[in-house]
Each structure stands twice: as C-alpha cells, then as structure tokens.
Protein backbone atom coordinates (compact mmCIF):
# COMPACT_ATOMS: atom_id res chain seq x y z
CA UNK A 1 0.41 -0.19 16.71
CA UNK A 2 1.21 -2.57 13.32
CA UNK A 3 4.47 -4.04 13.42
CA UNK A 4 5.39 -5.30 10.02
CA UNK A 5 8.23 -7.57 10.53
CA UNK A 6 10.18 -10.37 8.69
CA UNK A 7 12.76 -11.67 6.13
CA UNK A 8 13.48 -9.79 2.90
CA UNK A 9 12.79 -12.25 0.64
CA UNK A 10 11.83 -15.62 0.76
CA UNK A 11 15.00 -17.36 0.59
CA UNK A 12 14.31 -20.53 2.36
CA UNK A 13 11.50 -22.43 3.81
CA UNK A 14 13.11 -23.26 7.00
CA UNK A 15 14.24 -19.33 6.87
CA UNK A 16 11.16 -18.20 7.35
CA UNK A 17 9.22 -21.00 9.07
CA UNK A 18 12.04 -20.15 12.02
CA UNK A 19 11.72 -16.59 12.01
CA UNK A 20 8.19 -17.04 11.56
CA UNK A 21 8.01 -18.80 14.64
CA UNK A 22 10.23 -16.25 16.30
CA UNK A 23 7.72 -13.45 15.38
CA UNK A 24 4.93 -15.53 17.07
CA UNK A 25 6.43 -15.93 19.85
CA UNK A 26 6.79 -11.72 20.57
CA UNK A 27 3.22 -11.40 19.71
CA UNK A 28 2.39 -13.13 22.42
CA UNK A 29 4.22 -11.46 24.98
CA UNK A 30 4.31 -7.36 23.06
CA UNK A 31 0.58 -7.96 22.99
CA UNK A 32 -0.10 -4.04 22.61
CA UNK A 33 1.33 -4.71 19.36
CA UNK A 34 -0.66 -6.25 16.00
CA UNK A 35 1.79 -8.32 13.93
CA UNK A 36 2.27 -8.94 10.32
CA UNK A 37 4.38 -10.93 8.96
CA UNK A 38 6.27 -10.21 5.53
CA UNK A 39 8.28 -11.58 3.09
CA UNK A 40 8.87 -11.19 -0.23
CA UNK A 41 7.70 -13.73 -3.78
CA UNK A 42 10.11 -11.86 -5.76
CA UNK A 43 12.27 -9.40 -5.80
CA UNK A 44 11.74 -7.74 -8.94
CA UNK A 45 13.54 -4.51 -8.34
CA UNK A 46 17.72 -6.08 -7.66
CA UNK A 47 20.51 -4.13 -8.50
CA UNK A 48 21.69 -6.44 -10.88
CA UNK A 49 19.92 -10.00 -12.66
CA UNK A 50 22.60 -12.27 -11.01
CA UNK A 51 21.17 -11.56 -7.51
CA UNK A 52 18.79 -13.53 -5.70
CA UNK A 53 15.33 -13.21 -6.56
CA UNK A 54 12.62 -15.44 -4.87
CA UNK A 55 11.22 -18.06 -5.22
CA UNK A 56 8.32 -16.83 -7.71
CA UNK A 57 4.50 -16.01 -7.02
CA UNK A 58 3.10 -19.48 -6.53
CA UNK A 59 5.87 -21.43 -4.47
CA UNK A 60 6.16 -18.54 -2.04
CA UNK A 61 2.78 -17.90 -1.49
CA UNK A 62 2.43 -21.38 -0.58
CA UNK A 63 5.07 -20.80 2.23
CA UNK A 64 3.11 -17.19 3.49
CA UNK A 65 0.02 -19.83 3.51
CA UNK A 66 1.84 -22.09 6.06
CA UNK A 67 3.21 -18.88 7.85
CA UNK A 68 -0.71 -18.60 8.32
CA UNK A 69 -1.70 -21.73 8.96
CA UNK A 70 0.83 -22.85 11.50
CA UNK A 71 1.23 -19.70 12.81
CA UNK A 72 -2.12 -17.77 12.76
CA UNK A 73 0.33 -14.45 12.10
CA UNK A 74 -1.85 -11.72 9.53
CA UNK A 75 0.73 -11.68 6.29
CA UNK A 76 1.64 -9.09 3.17
CA UNK A 77 4.07 -9.51 0.85
CA UNK A 78 4.66 -7.39 -2.59
CA UNK A 79 2.98 -7.36 -6.12
CA UNK A 80 4.72 -5.86 -8.56
CA UNK A 81 2.35 -6.76 -11.57
CA UNK A 82 -1.43 -6.09 -11.73
CA UNK A 83 -1.53 -10.38 -12.76
CA UNK A 84 -0.11 -11.20 -9.05
CA UNK A 85 -2.94 -9.49 -7.01
CA UNK A 86 -5.89 -11.29 -7.65
CA UNK A 87 -3.87 -14.56 -6.09
CA UNK A 88 -1.64 -12.86 -3.76
CA UNK A 89 -4.93 -11.07 -2.10
CA UNK A 90 -6.64 -14.47 -1.81
CA UNK A 91 -3.65 -15.39 0.69
CA UNK A 92 -3.13 -12.37 2.23
CA UNK A 93 -3.99 -9.80 4.46
CA UNK A 94 -2.40 -6.78 3.71
CA UNK A 95 -1.45 -6.19 -0.37
CA UNK A 96 1.94 -4.16 -0.83
CA UNK A 97 3.33 -2.03 -3.75
CA UNK A 98 7.16 -1.42 -3.62
CA UNK A 99 8.68 1.85 -3.44
CA UNK A 100 9.44 2.13 -6.90
CA UNK A 101 6.25 1.40 -8.28
CA UNK A 102 4.14 3.77 -6.11
CA UNK A 103 3.28 5.82 -9.40
CA UNK A 104 2.11 2.59 -10.98
CA UNK A 105 -1.48 3.55 -11.51
CA UNK A 106 -2.79 0.78 -13.19
CA UNK A 107 -1.29 -1.52 -10.00
CA UNK A 108 -2.62 0.75 -7.49
CA UNK A 109 -6.06 0.91 -8.71
CA UNK A 110 -6.26 -3.19 -9.11
CA UNK A 111 -4.84 -3.36 -5.11
CA UNK A 112 -7.57 -1.79 -4.55
CA UNK A 113 -9.82 -3.35 -5.67
CA UNK A 114 -9.02 -6.49 -3.88
CA UNK A 115 -10.91 -6.16 -0.84
CA UNK A 116 -7.60 -6.00 0.95
CA UNK A 117 -5.78 -3.13 2.61
CA UNK A 118 -3.04 -2.41 1.20
CA UNK A 119 -0.12 -0.52 2.24
CA UNK A 120 2.35 1.49 -0.48
CA UNK A 121 5.76 2.21 -0.03
CA UNK A 122 6.50 5.81 -0.96
CA UNK A 123 9.20 6.14 -3.45
CA UNK A 124 12.50 7.63 -2.66
CA UNK A 125 11.64 10.01 -5.08
CA UNK A 126 8.35 11.31 -4.36
CA UNK A 127 7.42 14.75 -1.63
CA UNK A 128 5.59 13.67 1.31
CA UNK A 129 2.13 15.96 -0.36
CA UNK A 130 2.72 13.74 -3.08
CA UNK A 131 1.59 10.74 -1.56
CA UNK A 132 -1.69 12.38 -1.41
CA UNK A 133 -2.32 11.37 -4.85
CA UNK A 134 -1.68 7.61 -4.07
CA UNK A 135 -4.78 7.84 -1.60
CA UNK A 136 -6.83 9.63 -4.06
CA UNK A 137 -6.11 6.98 -6.43
CA UNK A 138 -6.91 4.12 -3.57
CA UNK A 139 -10.06 5.54 -2.67
CA UNK A 140 -11.08 5.70 -6.35
CA UNK A 141 -10.32 2.35 -6.39
CA UNK A 142 -12.84 1.32 -3.61
CA UNK A 143 -9.79 0.62 -0.85
CA UNK A 144 -11.37 -0.94 2.13
CA UNK A 145 -8.33 0.51 4.42
CA UNK A 146 -4.54 1.79 3.27
CA UNK A 147 -1.53 3.07 4.91
CA UNK A 148 1.31 5.22 3.06
CA UNK A 149 5.20 4.13 3.98
CA UNK A 150 8.20 6.40 4.72
CA UNK A 151 11.27 4.62 3.40
CA UNK A 152 13.66 7.46 2.99
CA UNK A 153 14.34 9.83 0.24
CA UNK A 154 17.21 10.16 -2.13
CA UNK A 155 19.85 12.44 -1.39
CA UNK A 156 22.82 12.46 -3.83
CA UNK A 157 23.55 9.23 -4.78
CA UNK A 158 23.55 5.69 -3.33
CA UNK A 159 22.07 7.37 -0.14
CA UNK A 160 18.90 7.96 1.05
CA UNK A 161 17.64 10.20 4.59
CA UNK A 162 14.75 10.15 6.53
CA UNK A 163 12.88 14.12 6.81
CA UNK A 164 10.74 13.43 10.14
CA UNK A 165 8.56 16.33 8.29
CA UNK A 166 7.05 13.81 6.03
CA UNK A 167 5.35 11.68 9.02
CA UNK A 168 3.28 14.50 10.08
CA UNK A 169 2.58 15.81 6.72
CA UNK A 170 1.01 12.45 5.67
CA UNK A 171 -0.46 11.98 9.01
CA UNK A 172 -2.72 14.49 7.91
CA UNK A 173 -4.07 12.53 5.32
CA UNK A 174 -3.55 9.04 5.83
CA UNK A 175 -2.06 6.30 7.95
CA UNK A 176 1.67 6.35 7.75
CA UNK A 177 4.33 3.44 8.68
CA UNK A 178 7.78 4.03 8.97
CA UNK A 179 10.02 1.66 7.22
CA UNK A 180 13.21 2.20 9.36
CA UNK A 181 15.21 -1.00 7.80
CA UNK A 182 15.03 0.92 3.94
CA UNK A 183 15.18 3.73 5.37
CA UNK A 184 18.86 3.33 5.83
CA UNK A 185 19.84 1.08 2.68
CA UNK A 186 22.41 2.67 0.98
CA UNK A 187 21.02 2.00 -3.03
CA UNK A 188 23.55 0.49 -5.04
CA UNK A 189 25.81 1.79 -2.28
CA UNK A 190 27.93 -2.13 -2.98
CA UNK A 191 28.28 -1.56 -7.29
CA UNK A 192 25.90 -5.01 -8.20
CA UNK A 193 23.90 -4.74 -5.07
CA UNK A 194 22.87 -2.41 -2.34
CA UNK A 195 24.54 -1.76 1.08
CA UNK A 196 23.41 -0.71 4.29
CA UNK A 197 23.92 1.30 7.91
CA UNK A 198 22.30 -1.57 10.38
CA UNK A 199 23.42 0.63 13.19
CA UNK A 200 21.20 3.77 12.47
CA UNK A 201 18.10 1.11 12.30
CA UNK A 202 16.85 1.72 15.80
CA UNK A 203 17.81 5.13 16.12
CA UNK A 204 15.76 6.00 13.30
CA UNK A 205 12.77 3.68 15.09
CA UNK A 206 13.21 5.56 18.00
CA UNK A 207 12.28 8.97 16.50
CA UNK A 208 9.92 7.55 14.09
CA UNK A 209 7.88 6.50 17.25
CA UNK A 210 8.21 9.14 19.02
CA UNK A 211 7.02 11.69 16.58
CA UNK A 212 4.11 9.29 16.08
CA UNK A 213 3.57 6.64 13.46
CA UNK A 214 0.65 3.98 12.95
CA UNK A 215 3.09 1.09 12.19
CA UNK A 216 6.65 0.01 11.89
CA UNK A 217 7.97 -1.90 9.26
CA UNK A 218 10.93 -3.82 9.70
CA UNK A 219 13.35 -6.10 7.91
CA UNK A 220 14.67 -9.34 10.30
CA UNK A 221 16.79 -12.78 9.55
CA UNK A 222 18.22 -14.93 11.92
CA UNK A 223 22.19 -14.44 10.49
CA UNK A 224 21.54 -10.95 8.17
CA UNK A 225 25.10 -11.35 7.35
CA UNK A 226 24.28 -14.51 5.29
CA UNK A 227 21.44 -13.29 4.22
CA UNK A 228 20.42 -13.63 0.04
CA UNK A 229 18.66 -9.73 0.22
CA UNK A 230 19.39 -6.87 1.92
CA UNK A 231 21.48 -8.60 4.71
CA UNK A 232 23.57 -4.68 5.36
CA UNK A 233 20.29 -2.93 6.69
CA UNK A 234 18.27 -6.07 8.51
CA UNK A 235 17.79 -6.58 12.16
CA UNK A 236 19.17 -9.31 13.45
CA UNK A 237 16.07 -11.94 14.97
CA UNK A 238 17.92 -12.08 17.86
CA UNK A 239 17.72 -7.99 18.56
CA UNK A 240 14.10 -7.83 17.64
CA UNK A 241 13.15 -8.10 21.21
CA UNK A 242 15.16 -4.67 22.37
CA UNK A 243 13.46 -3.01 19.04
CA UNK A 244 9.98 -3.68 20.35
CA UNK A 245 10.85 -3.02 24.37
CA UNK A 246 11.90 0.17 23.07
CA UNK A 247 9.09 1.30 21.27
CA UNK A 248 7.03 0.01 23.92
CA UNK A 249 8.70 2.55 26.34
CA UNK A 250 8.35 5.36 24.17
CA UNK A 251 5.10 4.80 23.49
CA UNK A 252 4.08 4.69 27.20
CA UNK A 253 5.69 8.01 27.75
CA UNK A 254 4.56 9.42 24.59
CA UNK A 255 0.71 7.73 24.13
CA UNK A 256 -0.29 10.56 21.78
CA UNK A 257 1.75 9.22 19.25
CA UNK A 258 0.04 6.53 17.80
CA UNK A 259 -3.75 6.86 16.74
CA UNK A 260 -5.24 3.83 18.26
C-alpha cells in the first residue's frame, strides 16, 4: 500500500526535515508500505490572499530535493500550472494535481506527458464515475502510471462527506488513494480559512482500508495547531505510528483490500 504523507505546505525547512526524518524511521519499520513524502511548494487555492502559501517553486523544490537526498524517500508535490510540471517532474517521483484543478485538461495532459506517475485529486464537485474522464486524459497523454484520490464530496456549504461507494466504483477503472485528512476539512469553515475535524481522520482511515484502496494520503505536522495551513485536519506527527499500526492490522485481517 502506498502511504503519501507529510506537512501540508513547506512552511520551513526545519519542519520539513523534522517530519521527513520521522517518516523515514517509520518507513524502516513498516516495510510493507511504500512511503512517499508530500509537501506543497505553493498552496495556490487558499481562502484568503493573506494566508501563507509556501516558498514557491524554486525554493520548495530545493527543500524536497534535500529530503530525497538525505532520507531516500520518494517525493510528491502539487502543480498548479502547466509550466510547473517539467521542473517539478525533474525532482519528484509522483506529480500531483490538486482537486480544484482535476478538470484542467492542459494541466492533466502536461502531467501525463512528464514521464512520472500522476496522482489526481478528485474534485469535491465530481462524481466517482466522472473521474473516468480524468483517466482517459492521462491515458491519451501517455501517462506511465496514475492514481485518483478520493477526498470527500461537497455536502452543502463548508462541509464534506465521504461516499465510500466511490472507492469501489473508481477501482473498477483505476488505482485509488484515500485522502483521510482533506476529507475531514470544513472548506472555508473558519471564514478566511478552512476548519477541520481531526478526530474523524482515524475512523475514516479504518473504513477506507477495510473497503479497499491502493494507498492512503494523510498530512501530518509536529504541531498541527501551529501549522500555517490545514492544521485543524492534520495528524500530529506523534500519532502517525498508531495510524500505521491500525492500517496494518486491518490489512492483515482483510488481505484482499490491497491490490498487491
């Protein structure tokens, strides 16, 4: 099972390296999982222009390259524009498309042509069967490998819910990742920023693992309450081991949930 994990945004090199070091230690213990370190160089869809966005492409990729070199972890990060794909693909192992951009054809095609695997977050507005169109675009572009990530669907204003049927539906035509932390986000729920319900992350992980997915996406931080982006829905780094142990136990009880 793929485990995509890391801080929401590159808020400092210190936080990134501290988190990556912890994840590296866990990767040496939980050898049944394939770990991919994730952090964004730019959060281009923040609720407010006053919100922290990140260090930008060049500085952010330097930090991610350091993670790769020092800890040997695979890397992924978001791209928001077509021109960002080429330099990003030179550093990362998986190119990621944010949920709000999952229907941006030019961006998806460019990512598909990058020669790297692509992970597309399914938009909060998209039905699971409509994600097949994303897969067709990636295939057309010659993508070498791809996943679609479920991250909840809009349920009224400032609220997301997870329809676990979508995991089954999308697995009929692609590999599926479940995003446990963005699924508990309350978009715009704090006025000029998003809120979240961190207490539901582990229950949703348990459910998705039992239903069957090819990977889990979760954001983590040494001190989420002080994080500069998505703190209310991130997992404290100290609790990550418990999460992985839970996933491991479920997979051992229901081995057919993983494609292998």
